[in-house]
Amino acid sequence: EAFRLVKEAKNITTDHIPAYNEEQVRLVAQESRY
């Protein structure tokens, strides 16, 4: 899940940013707590 999040961050450029992926962030945080 964290790897998918980093791949998404790699797509950010000077004139483009993907929508904030709240669900993916939640999954990574949930796995970390577990």
Full PDB file with SEQRES, HELIX, SHEET, SSBOND, CRYST1, ORIGX, SCALE, CONECT and MASTER records, all heavy atoms in Angstrom:
SEQRES   1 A   34  GLU ALA PHE ARG LEU VAL LYS GLU ALA LYS ASN ILE THR          
SEQRES   2 A   34  THR ASP HIS ILE PRO ALA TYR ASN GLU GLU GLN VAL ARG          
SEQRES   3 A   34  LEU VAL ALA GLN GLU SER ARG TYR                              
HELIX    1 AA1 ALA A    2  LYS A   10  1                                   9    
HELIX    2 AA2 GLU A   22  ARG A   33  1                                  12    
CRYST1    1.000    1.000    1.000  90.00  90.00  90.00 P 1           1          
ORIGX1      1.000000  0.000000  0.000000        0.00000                         
ORIGX2      0.000000  1.000000  0.000000        0.00000                         
ORIGX3      0.000000  0.000000  1.000000        0.00000                         
SCALE1      1.000000  0.000000  0.000000        0.00000                         
SCALE2      0.000000  1.000000  0.000000        0.00000                         
SCALE3      0.000000  0.000000  1.000000        0.00000                         
ATOM      1  N   GLU A   1       0.832  -1.202   0.000  1.00  0.00           N  
ATOM      2  CA  GLU A   1       0.000   0.000   0.000  1.00  0.00           C  
ATOM      3  C   GLU A   1       0.873   1.260   0.000  1.00  0.00           C  
ATOM      4  O   GLU A   1       0.569   2.244  -0.695  1.00  0.00           O  
ATOM      5  CB  GLU A   1      -0.932  -0.003   1.222  1.00  0.00           C  
ATOM      6  CG  GLU A   1      -1.809  -1.235   1.349  1.00  0.00           C  
ATOM      7  CD  GLU A   1      -2.757  -1.404   0.175  1.00  0.00           C  
ATOM      8  OE1 GLU A   1      -3.019  -0.423  -0.532  1.00  0.00           O  
ATOM      9  OE2 GLU A   1      -3.236  -2.540  -0.027  1.00  0.00           O  
ATOM     10  N   ALA A   2       1.946   1.231   0.774  1.00  0.00           N  
ATOM     11  CA  ALA A   2       2.858   2.379   0.809  1.00  0.00           C  
ATOM     12  C   ALA A   2       3.562   2.563  -0.537  1.00  0.00           C  
ATOM     13  O   ALA A   2       3.792   3.692  -0.979  1.00  0.00           O  
ATOM     14  CB  ALA A   2       3.892   2.191   1.921  1.00  0.00           C  
ATOM     15  N   PHE A   3       3.887   1.459  -1.187  1.00  0.00           N  
ATOM     16  CA  PHE A   3       4.538   1.535  -2.498  1.00  0.00           C  
ATOM     17  C   PHE A   3       3.625   2.203  -3.522  1.00  0.00           C  
ATOM     18  O   PHE A   3       4.066   3.024  -4.333  1.00  0.00           O  
ATOM     19  CB  PHE A   3       4.918   0.125  -2.960  1.00  0.00           C  
ATOM     20  CG  PHE A   3       5.545   0.088  -4.329  1.00  0.00           C  
ATOM     21  CD1 PHE A   3       6.796   0.629  -4.544  1.00  0.00           C  
ATOM     22  CD2 PHE A   3       4.872  -0.478  -5.405  1.00  0.00           C  
ATOM     23  CE1 PHE A   3       7.383   0.600  -5.805  1.00  0.00           C  
ATOM     24  CE2 PHE A   3       5.442  -0.504  -6.656  1.00  0.00           C  
ATOM     25  CZ  PHE A   3       6.693   0.034  -6.859  1.00  0.00           C  
ATOM     26  N   ARG A   4       2.341   1.879  -3.486  1.00  0.00           N  
ATOM     27  CA  ARG A   4       1.389   2.516  -4.402  1.00  0.00           C  
ATOM     28  C   ARG A   4       1.308   4.017  -4.143  1.00  0.00           C  
ATOM     29  O   ARG A   4       1.161   4.816  -5.077  1.00  0.00           O  
ATOM     30  CB  ARG A   4       0.015   1.873  -4.251  1.00  0.00           C  
ATOM     31  CG  ARG A   4      -0.049   0.412  -4.674  1.00  0.00           C  
ATOM     32  CD  ARG A   4      -1.485  -0.108  -4.678  1.00  0.00           C  
ATOM     33  NE  ARG A   4      -1.523  -1.530  -4.982  1.00  0.00           N  
ATOM     34  CZ  ARG A   4      -1.598  -2.493  -4.066  1.00  0.00           C  
ATOM     35  NH1 ARG A   4      -1.662  -2.161  -2.779  1.00  0.00           N  
ATOM     36  NH2 ARG A   4      -1.633  -3.767  -4.415  1.00  0.00           N  
ATOM     37  N   LEU A   5       1.401   4.408  -2.888  1.00  0.00           N  
ATOM     38  CA  LEU A   5       1.332   5.825  -2.538  1.00  0.00           C  
ATOM     39  C   LEU A   5       2.547   6.581  -3.087  1.00  0.00           C  
ATOM     40  O   LEU A   5       2.417   7.697  -3.613  1.00  0.00           O  
ATOM     41  CB  LEU A   5       1.266   5.967  -1.014  1.00  0.00           C  
ATOM     42  CG  LEU A   5       0.668   7.263  -0.457  1.00  0.00           C  
ATOM     43  CD1 LEU A   5      -0.778   7.432  -0.910  1.00  0.00           C  
ATOM     44  CD2 LEU A   5       0.743   7.262   1.054  1.00  0.00           C  
ATOM     45  N   VAL A   6       3.717   5.975  -2.987  1.00  0.00           N  
ATOM     46  CA  VAL A   6       4.933   6.618  -3.497  1.00  0.00           C  
ATOM     47  C   VAL A   6       4.897   6.723  -5.022  1.00  0.00           C  
ATOM     48  O   VAL A   6       5.319   7.734  -5.592  1.00  0.00           O  
ATOM     49  CB  VAL A   6       6.177   5.840  -3.032  1.00  0.00           C  
ATOM     50  CG1 VAL A   6       7.438   6.357  -3.714  1.00  0.00           C  
ATOM     51  CG2 VAL A   6       6.334   5.949  -1.526  1.00  0.00           C  
ATOM     52  N   LYS A   7       4.383   5.695  -5.687  1.00  0.00           N  
ATOM     53  CA  LYS A   7       4.255   5.767  -7.146  1.00  0.00           C  
ATOM     54  C   LYS A   7       3.341   6.913  -7.559  1.00  0.00           C  
ATOM     55  O   LYS A   7       3.572   7.576  -8.572  1.00  0.00           O  
ATOM     56  CB  LYS A   7       3.709   4.437  -7.687  1.00  0.00           C  
ATOM     57  CG  LYS A   7       4.715   3.303  -7.683  1.00  0.00           C  
ATOM     58  CD  LYS A   7       4.117   2.045  -8.284  1.00  0.00           C  
ATOM     59  CE  LYS A   7       3.739   2.239  -9.741  1.00  0.00           C  
ATOM     60  NZ  LYS A   7       3.201   0.978 -10.327  1.00  0.00           N  
ATOM     61  N   GLU A   8       2.307   7.145  -6.773  1.00  0.00           N  
ATOM     62  CA  GLU A   8       1.389   8.242  -7.067  1.00  0.00           C  
ATOM     63  C   GLU A   8       2.082   9.596  -6.878  1.00  0.00           C  
ATOM     64  O   GLU A   8       1.876  10.524  -7.665  1.00  0.00           O  
ATOM     65  CB  GLU A   8       0.169   8.139  -6.168  1.00  0.00           C  
ATOM     66  CG  GLU A   8      -0.932   9.121  -6.503  1.00  0.00           C  
ATOM     67  CD  GLU A   8      -2.206   8.846  -5.728  1.00  0.00           C  
ATOM     68  OE1 GLU A   8      -2.690   7.696  -5.792  1.00  0.00           O  
ATOM     69  OE2 GLU A   8      -2.689   9.762  -5.048  1.00  0.00           O  
ATOM     70  N   ALA A   9       2.908   9.703  -5.842  1.00  0.00           N  
ATOM     71  CA  ALA A   9       3.636  10.953  -5.599  1.00  0.00           C  
ATOM     72  C   ALA A   9       4.623  11.241  -6.716  1.00  0.00           C  
ATOM     73  O   ALA A   9       4.898  12.408  -7.028  1.00  0.00           O  
ATOM     74  CB  ALA A   9       4.362  10.879  -4.256  1.00  0.00           C  
ATOM     75  N   LYS A  10       5.120  10.208  -7.341  1.00  0.00           N  
ATOM     76  CA  LYS A  10       6.082  10.388  -8.426  1.00  0.00           C  
ATOM     77  C   LYS A  10       5.437  11.050  -9.639  1.00  0.00           C  
ATOM     78  O   LYS A  10       6.126  11.660 -10.472  1.00  0.00           O  
ATOM     79  CB  LYS A  10       6.678   9.029  -8.821  1.00  0.00           C  
ATOM     80  CG  LYS A  10       7.874   9.117  -9.739  1.00  0.00           C  
ATOM     81  CD  LYS A  10       8.466   7.740 -10.005  1.00  0.00           C  
ATOM     82  CE  LYS A  10       9.673   7.834 -10.924  1.00  0.00           C  
ATOM     83  NZ  LYS A  10      10.251   6.490 -11.199  1.00  0.00           N  
ATOM     84  N   ASN A  11       4.122  10.961  -9.757  1.00  0.00           N  
ATOM     85  CA  ASN A  11       3.416  11.564 -10.894  1.00  0.00           C  
ATOM     86  C   ASN A  11       3.201  13.060 -10.736  1.00  0.00           C  
ATOM     87  O   ASN A  11       2.689  13.711 -11.640  1.00  0.00           O  
ATOM     88  CB  ASN A  11       2.057  10.877 -11.081  1.00  0.00           C  
ATOM     89  CG  ASN A  11       2.184   9.420 -11.484  1.00  0.00           C  
ATOM     90  OD1 ASN A  11       3.151   9.038 -12.140  1.00  0.00           O  
ATOM     91  ND2 ASN A  11       1.236   8.598 -11.087  1.00  0.00           N  
ATOM     92  N   ILE A  12       3.566  13.633  -9.573  1.00  0.00           N  
ATOM     93  CA  ILE A  12       3.402  15.072  -9.355  1.00  0.00           C  
ATOM     94  C   ILE A  12       4.473  15.824 -10.138  1.00  0.00           C  
ATOM     95  O   ILE A  12       5.666  15.533 -10.015  1.00  0.00           O  
ATOM     96  CB  ILE A  12       3.501  15.416  -7.856  1.00  0.00           C  
ATOM     97  CG1 ILE A  12       2.398  14.703  -7.070  1.00  0.00           C  
ATOM     98  CG2 ILE A  12       3.409  16.922  -7.639  1.00  0.00           C  
ATOM     99  CD1 ILE A  12       2.485  14.906  -5.568  1.00  0.00           C  
ATOM    100  N   THR A  13       4.064  16.766 -10.958  1.00  0.00           N  
ATOM    101  CA  THR A  13       4.984  17.590 -11.733  1.00  0.00           C  
ATOM    102  C   THR A  13       4.780  19.052 -11.361  1.00  0.00           C  
ATOM    103  O   THR A  13       3.984  19.383 -10.488  1.00  0.00           O  
ATOM    104  CB  THR A  13       4.763  17.381 -13.238  1.00  0.00           C  
ATOM    105  OG1 THR A  13       3.413  17.787 -13.580  1.00  0.00           O  
ATOM    106  CG2 THR A  13       4.929  15.910 -13.620  1.00  0.00           C  
ATOM    107  N   THR A  14       5.481  19.936 -12.067  1.00  0.00           N  
ATOM    108  CA  THR A  14       5.372  21.365 -11.752  1.00  0.00           C  
ATOM    109  C   THR A  14       4.002  21.929 -12.085  1.00  0.00           C  
ATOM    110  O   THR A  14       3.599  22.955 -11.524  1.00  0.00           O  
ATOM    111  CB  THR A  14       6.439  22.149 -12.528  1.00  0.00           C  
ATOM    112  OG1 THR A  14       6.305  21.857 -13.932  1.00  0.00           O  
ATOM    113  CG2 THR A  14       7.840  21.765 -12.059  1.00  0.00           C  
ATOM    114  N   ASP A  15       3.268  21.291 -12.995  1.00  0.00           N  
ATOM    115  CA  ASP A  15       1.954  21.814 -13.381  1.00  0.00           C  
ATOM    116  C   ASP A  15       0.830  20.801 -13.218  1.00  0.00           C  
ATOM    117  O   ASP A  15      -0.272  20.998 -13.717  1.00  0.00           O  
ATOM    118  CB  ASP A  15       1.984  22.302 -14.834  1.00  0.00           C  
ATOM    119  CG  ASP A  15       2.449  21.213 -15.802  1.00  0.00           C  
ATOM    120  OD1 ASP A  15       2.807  20.113 -15.321  1.00  0.00           O  
ATOM    121  OD2 ASP A  15       2.461  21.465 -17.018  1.00  0.00           O  
ATOM    122  N   HIS A  16       1.101  19.700 -12.515  1.00  0.00           N  
ATOM    123  CA  HIS A  16       0.062  18.678 -12.327  1.00  0.00           C  
ATOM    124  C   HIS A  16       0.213  18.029 -10.962  1.00  0.00           C  
ATOM    125  O   HIS A  16       1.324  17.705 -10.523  1.00  0.00           O  
ATOM    126  CB  HIS A  16       0.153  17.603 -13.408  1.00  0.00           C  
ATOM    127  CG  HIS A  16      -0.706  16.408 -13.128  1.00  0.00           C  
ATOM    128  ND1 HIS A  16      -2.082  16.414 -13.240  1.00  0.00           N  
ATOM    129  CD2 HIS A  16      -0.372  15.147 -12.700  1.00  0.00           C  
ATOM    130  CE1 HIS A  16      -2.561  15.234 -12.909  1.00  0.00           C  
ATOM    131  NE2 HIS A  16      -1.550  14.449 -12.587  1.00  0.00           N  
ATOM    132  N   ILE A  17      -0.934  17.847 -10.290  1.00  0.00           N  
ATOM    133  CA  ILE A  17      -0.947  17.139  -9.018  1.00  0.00           C  
ATOM    134  C   ILE A  17      -2.196  16.260  -8.977  1.00  0.00           C  
ATOM    135  O   ILE A  17      -3.303  16.728  -9.255  1.00  0.00           O  
ATOM    136  CB  ILE A  17      -0.926  18.126  -7.829  1.00  0.00           C  
ATOM    137  CG1 ILE A  17      -0.830  17.357  -6.500  1.00  0.00           C  
ATOM    138  CG2 ILE A  17      -2.128  19.041  -7.832  1.00  0.00           C  
ATOM    139  CD1 ILE A  17      -0.589  18.256  -5.305  1.00  0.00           C  
ATOM    140  N   PRO A  18      -2.054  14.965  -8.669  1.00  0.00           N  
ATOM    141  CA  PRO A  18      -3.243  14.101  -8.557  1.00  0.00           C  
ATOM    142  C   PRO A  18      -4.073  14.487  -7.335  1.00  0.00           C  
ATOM    143  O   PRO A  18      -3.588  15.158  -6.420  1.00  0.00           O  
ATOM    144  CB  PRO A  18      -2.644  12.691  -8.406  1.00  0.00           C  
ATOM    145  CG  PRO A  18      -1.196  12.817  -8.748  1.00  0.00           C  
ATOM    146  CD  PRO A  18      -0.809  14.230  -8.456  1.00  0.00           C  
ATOM    147  N   ALA A  19      -5.319  14.056  -7.339  1.00  0.00           N  
ATOM    148  CA  ALA A  19      -6.177  14.307  -6.184  1.00  0.00           C  
ATOM    149  C   ALA A  19      -5.615  13.592  -4.955  1.00  0.00           C  
ATOM    150  O   ALA A  19      -5.005  12.520  -5.065  1.00  0.00           O  
ATOM    151  CB  ALA A  19      -7.601  13.834  -6.468  1.00  0.00           C  
ATOM    152  N   TYR A  20      -5.808  14.204  -3.792  1.00  0.00           N  
ATOM    153  CA  TYR A  20      -5.308  13.615  -2.550  1.00  0.00           C  
ATOM    154  C   TYR A  20      -5.982  12.265  -2.316  1.00  0.00           C  
ATOM    155  O   TYR A  20      -7.208  12.164  -2.276  1.00  0.00           O  
ATOM    156  CB  TYR A  20      -5.589  14.551  -1.378  1.00  0.00           C  
ATOM    157  CG  TYR A  20      -5.023  14.061  -0.068  1.00  0.00           C  
ATOM    158  CD1 TYR A  20      -3.676  14.214   0.222  1.00  0.00           C  
ATOM    159  CD2 TYR A  20      -5.840  13.451   0.883  1.00  0.00           C  
ATOM    160  CE1 TYR A  20      -3.155  13.774   1.426  1.00  0.00           C  
ATOM    161  CE2 TYR A  20      -5.326  13.008   2.085  1.00  0.00           C  
ATOM    162  CZ  TYR A  20      -3.989  13.168   2.354  1.00  0.00           C  
ATOM    163  OH  TYR A  20      -3.470  12.715   3.540  1.00  0.00           O  
ATOM    164  N   ASN A  21      -5.154  11.228  -2.167  1.00  0.00           N  
ATOM    165  CA  ASN A  21      -5.658   9.867  -2.038  1.00  0.00           C  
ATOM    166  C   ASN A  21      -5.844   9.529  -0.558  1.00  0.00           C  
ATOM    167  O   ASN A  21      -5.007   8.877   0.065  1.00  0.00           O  
ATOM    168  CB  ASN A  21      -4.697   8.877  -2.705  1.00  0.00           C  
ATOM    169  CG  ASN A  21      -5.349   7.535  -2.957  1.00  0.00           C  
ATOM    170  OD1 ASN A  21      -6.304   7.171  -2.292  1.00  0.00           O  
ATOM    171  ND2 ASN A  21      -4.834   6.802  -3.917  1.00  0.00           N  
ATOM    172  N   GLU A  22      -6.950   9.976  -0.005  1.00  0.00           N  
ATOM    173  CA  GLU A  22      -7.211   9.780   1.422  1.00  0.00           C  
ATOM    174  C   GLU A  22      -7.353   8.306   1.777  1.00  0.00           C  
ATOM    175  O   GLU A  22      -6.887   7.857   2.832  1.00  0.00           O  
ATOM    176  CB  GLU A  22      -8.471  10.541   1.828  1.00  0.00           C  
ATOM    177  CG  GLU A  22      -8.788  10.468   3.310  1.00  0.00           C  
ATOM    178  CD  GLU A  22      -9.988  11.314   3.693  1.00  0.00           C  
ATOM    179  OE1 GLU A  22     -10.551  11.987   2.798  1.00  0.00           O  
ATOM    180  OE2 GLU A  22     -10.361  11.307   4.872  1.00  0.00           O  
ATOM    181  N   GLU A  23      -7.967   7.527   0.902  1.00  0.00           N  
ATOM    182  CA  GLU A  23      -8.174   6.111   1.184  1.00  0.00           C  
ATOM    183  C   GLU A  23      -6.845   5.374   1.249  1.00  0.00           C  
ATOM    184  O   GLU A  23      -6.628   4.536   2.138  1.00  0.00           O  
ATOM    185  CB  GLU A  23      -9.072   5.499   0.105  1.00  0.00           C  
ATOM    186  CG  GLU A  23      -9.285   3.993   0.241  1.00  0.00           C  
ATOM    187  CD  GLU A  23     -10.012   3.611   1.529  1.00  0.00           C  
ATOM    188  OE1 GLU A  23     -10.635   4.494   2.141  1.00  0.00           O  
ATOM    189  OE2 GLU A  23      -9.946   2.432   1.908  1.00  0.00           O  
ATOM    190  N   GLN A  24      -5.927   5.669   0.323  1.00  0.00           N  
ATOM    191  CA  GLN A  24      -4.624   4.999   0.318  1.00  0.00           C  
ATOM    192  C   GLN A  24      -3.808   5.390   1.553  1.00  0.00           C  
ATOM    193  O   GLN A  24      -3.135   4.541   2.153  1.00  0.00           O  
ATOM    194  CB  GLN A  24      -3.854   5.358  -0.959  1.00  0.00           C  
ATOM    195  CG  GLN A  24      -2.676   4.441  -1.250  1.00  0.00           C  
ATOM    196  CD  GLN A  24      -3.117   3.023  -1.557  1.00  0.00           C  
ATOM    197  OE1 GLN A  24      -4.212   2.786  -2.043  1.00  0.00           O  
ATOM    198  NE2 GLN A  24      -2.263   2.067  -1.263  1.00  0.00           N  
ATOM    199  N   VAL A  25      -3.874   6.645   1.943  1.00  0.00           N  
ATOM    200  CA  VAL A  25      -3.180   7.090   3.150  1.00  0.00           C  
ATOM    201  C   VAL A  25      -3.740   6.375   4.376  1.00  0.00           C  
ATOM    202  O   VAL A  25      -3.002   5.948   5.266  1.00  0.00           O  
ATOM    203  CB  VAL A  25      -3.308   8.624   3.308  1.00  0.00           C  
ATOM    204  CG1 VAL A  25      -2.807   9.068   4.673  1.00  0.00           C  
ATOM    205  CG2 VAL A  25      -2.549   9.341   2.208  1.00  0.00           C  
ATOM    206  N   ARG A  26      -5.054   6.206   4.413  1.00  0.00           N  
ATOM    207  CA  ARG A  26      -5.691   5.516   5.531  1.00  0.00           C  
ATOM    208  C   ARG A  26      -5.233   4.066   5.622  1.00  0.00           C  
ATOM    209  O   ARG A  26      -4.983   3.543   6.718  1.00  0.00           O  
ATOM    210  CB  ARG A  26      -7.216   5.582   5.395  1.00  0.00           C  
ATOM    211  CG  ARG A  26      -7.974   5.000   6.590  1.00  0.00           C  
ATOM    212  CD  ARG A  26      -9.461   4.929   6.302  1.00  0.00           C  
ATOM    213  NE  ARG A  26      -9.749   3.995   5.219  1.00  0.00           N  
ATOM    214  CZ  ARG A  26      -9.802   2.676   5.373  1.00  0.00           C  
ATOM    215  NH1 ARG A  26      -9.609   2.131   6.565  1.00  0.00           N  
ATOM    216  NH2 ARG A  26     -10.057   1.895   4.346  1.00  0.00           N  
ATOM    217  N   LEU A  27      -5.115   3.395   4.476  1.00  0.00           N  
ATOM    218  CA  LEU A  27      -4.683   1.999   4.471  1.00  0.00           C  
ATOM    219  C   LEU A  27      -3.256   1.855   4.984  1.00  0.00           C  
ATOM    220  O   LEU A  27      -2.951   0.928   5.752  1.00  0.00           O  
ATOM    221  CB  LEU A  27      -4.786   1.432   3.044  1.00  0.00           C  
ATOM    222  CG  LEU A  27      -6.204   1.205   2.502  1.00  0.00           C  
ATOM    223  CD1 LEU A  27      -6.147   0.736   1.056  1.00  0.00           C  
ATOM    224  CD2 LEU A  27      -6.960   0.202   3.358  1.00  0.00           C  
ATOM    225  N   VAL A  28      -2.371   2.757   4.579  1.00  0.00           N  
ATOM    226  CA  VAL A  28      -0.980   2.696   5.031  1.00  0.00           C  
ATOM    227  C   VAL A  28      -0.905   2.948   6.536  1.00  0.00           C  
ATOM    228  O   VAL A  28      -0.198   2.244   7.266  1.00  0.00           O  
ATOM    229  CB  VAL A  28      -0.110   3.714   4.265  1.00  0.00           C  
ATOM    230  CG1 VAL A  28       1.324   3.708   4.806  1.00  0.00           C  
ATOM    231  CG2 VAL A  28      -0.102   3.404   2.771  1.00  0.00           C  
ATOM    232  N   ALA A  29      -1.642   3.941   7.020  1.00  0.00           N  
ATOM    233  CA  ALA A  29      -1.641   4.235   8.453  1.00  0.00           C  
ATOM    234  C   ALA A  29      -2.228   3.083   9.249  1.00  0.00           C  
ATOM    235  O   ALA A  29      -1.738   2.746  10.345  1.00  0.00           O  
ATOM    236  CB  ALA A  29      -2.421   5.520   8.708  1.00  0.00           C  
ATOM    237  N   GLN A  30      -3.267   2.458   8.717  1.00  0.00           N  
ATOM    238  CA  GLN A  30      -3.915   1.337   9.414  1.00  0.00           C  
ATOM    239  C   GLN A  30      -2.958   0.151   9.504  1.00  0.00           C  
ATOM    240  O   GLN A  30      -2.858  -0.498  10.555  1.00  0.00           O  
ATOM    241  CB  GLN A  30      -5.195   0.951   8.676  1.00  0.00           C  
ATOM    242  CG  GLN A  30      -6.076  -0.038   9.413  1.00  0.00           C  
ATOM    243  CD  GLN A  30      -7.382  -0.301   8.683  1.00  0.00           C  
ATOM    244  OE1 GLN A  30      -7.466  -0.145   7.464  1.00  0.00           O  
ATOM    245  NE2 GLN A  30      -8.399  -0.694   9.411  1.00  0.00           N  
ATOM    246  N   GLU A  31      -2.267  -0.150   8.417  1.00  0.00           N  
ATOM    247  CA  GLU A  31      -1.304  -1.243   8.445  1.00  0.00           C  
ATOM    248  C   GLU A  31      -0.174  -0.951   9.429  1.00  0.00           C  
ATOM    249  O   GLU A  31       0.276  -1.838  10.153  1.00  0.00           O  
ATOM    250  CB  GLU A  31      -0.724  -1.471   7.045  1.00  0.00           C  
ATOM    251  CG  GLU A  31       0.281  -2.611   6.998  1.00  0.00           C  
ATOM    252  CD  GLU A  31       0.906  -2.770   5.624  1.00  0.00           C  
ATOM    253  OE1 GLU A  31       1.732  -1.905   5.248  1.00  0.00           O  
ATOM    254  OE2 GLU A  31       0.586  -3.753   4.935  1.00  0.00           O  
ATOM    255  N   SER A  32       0.266   0.300   9.482  1.00  0.00           N  
ATOM    256  CA  SER A  32       1.358   0.675  10.385  1.00  0.00           C  
ATOM    257  C   SER A  32       0.944   0.509  11.838  1.00  0.00           C  
ATOM    258  O   SER A  32       1.729   0.021  12.663  1.00  0.00           O  
ATOM    259  CB  SER A  32       1.780   2.125  10.115  1.00  0.00           C  
ATOM    260  OG  SER A  32       2.230   2.275   8.784  1.00  0.00           O  
ATOM    261  N   ARG A  33      -0.269   0.903  12.169  1.00  0.00           N  
ATOM    262  CA  ARG A  33      -0.739   0.732  13.546  1.00  0.00           C  
ATOM    263  C   ARG A  33      -0.819  -0.745  13.921  1.00  0.00           C  
ATOM    264  O   ARG A  33      -0.493  -1.137  15.043  1.00  0.00           O  
ATOM    265  CB  ARG A  33      -2.105   1.406  13.719  1.00  0.00           C  
ATOM    266  CG  ARG A  33      -2.040   2.926  13.764  1.00  0.00           C  
ATOM    267  CD  ARG A  33      -3.361   3.507  14.245  1.00  0.00           C  
ATOM    268  NE  ARG A  33      -4.451   3.209  13.326  1.00  0.00           N  
ATOM    269  CZ  ARG A  33      -4.820   4.003  12.329  1.00  0.00           C  
ATOM    270  NH1 ARG A  33      -4.164   5.137  12.112  1.00  0.00           N  
ATOM    271  NH2 ARG A  33      -5.819   3.674  11.544  1.00  0.00           N  
ATOM    272  N   TYR A  34      -1.272  -1.561  12.979  1.00  0.00           N  
ATOM    273  CA  TYR A  34      -1.374  -2.996  13.250  1.00  0.00           C  
ATOM    274  C   TYR A  34       0.011  -3.607  13.470  1.00  0.00           C  
ATOM    275  O   TYR A  34       0.207  -4.420  14.387  1.00  0.00           O  
ATOM    276  CB  TYR A  34      -2.081  -3.691  12.093  1.00  0.00           C  
ATOM    277  CG  TYR A  34      -2.214  -5.178  12.278  1.00  0.00           C  
ATOM    278  CD1 TYR A  34      -3.226  -5.710  13.069  1.00  0.00           C  
ATOM    279  CD2 TYR A  34      -1.320  -6.051  11.674  1.00  0.00           C  
ATOM    280  CE1 TYR A  34      -3.345  -7.075  13.254  1.00  0.00           C  
ATOM    281  CE2 TYR A  34      -1.427  -7.416  11.851  1.00  0.00           C  
ATOM    282  CZ  TYR A  34      -2.442  -7.932  12.647  1.00  0.00           C  
ATOM    283  OH  TYR A  34      -2.544  -9.275  12.832  1.00  0.00           O  
TER     284      TYR A  34                                                      
MASTER        0    0    0    2    0    0    0    6  283    1    0    3          
END                                                                             
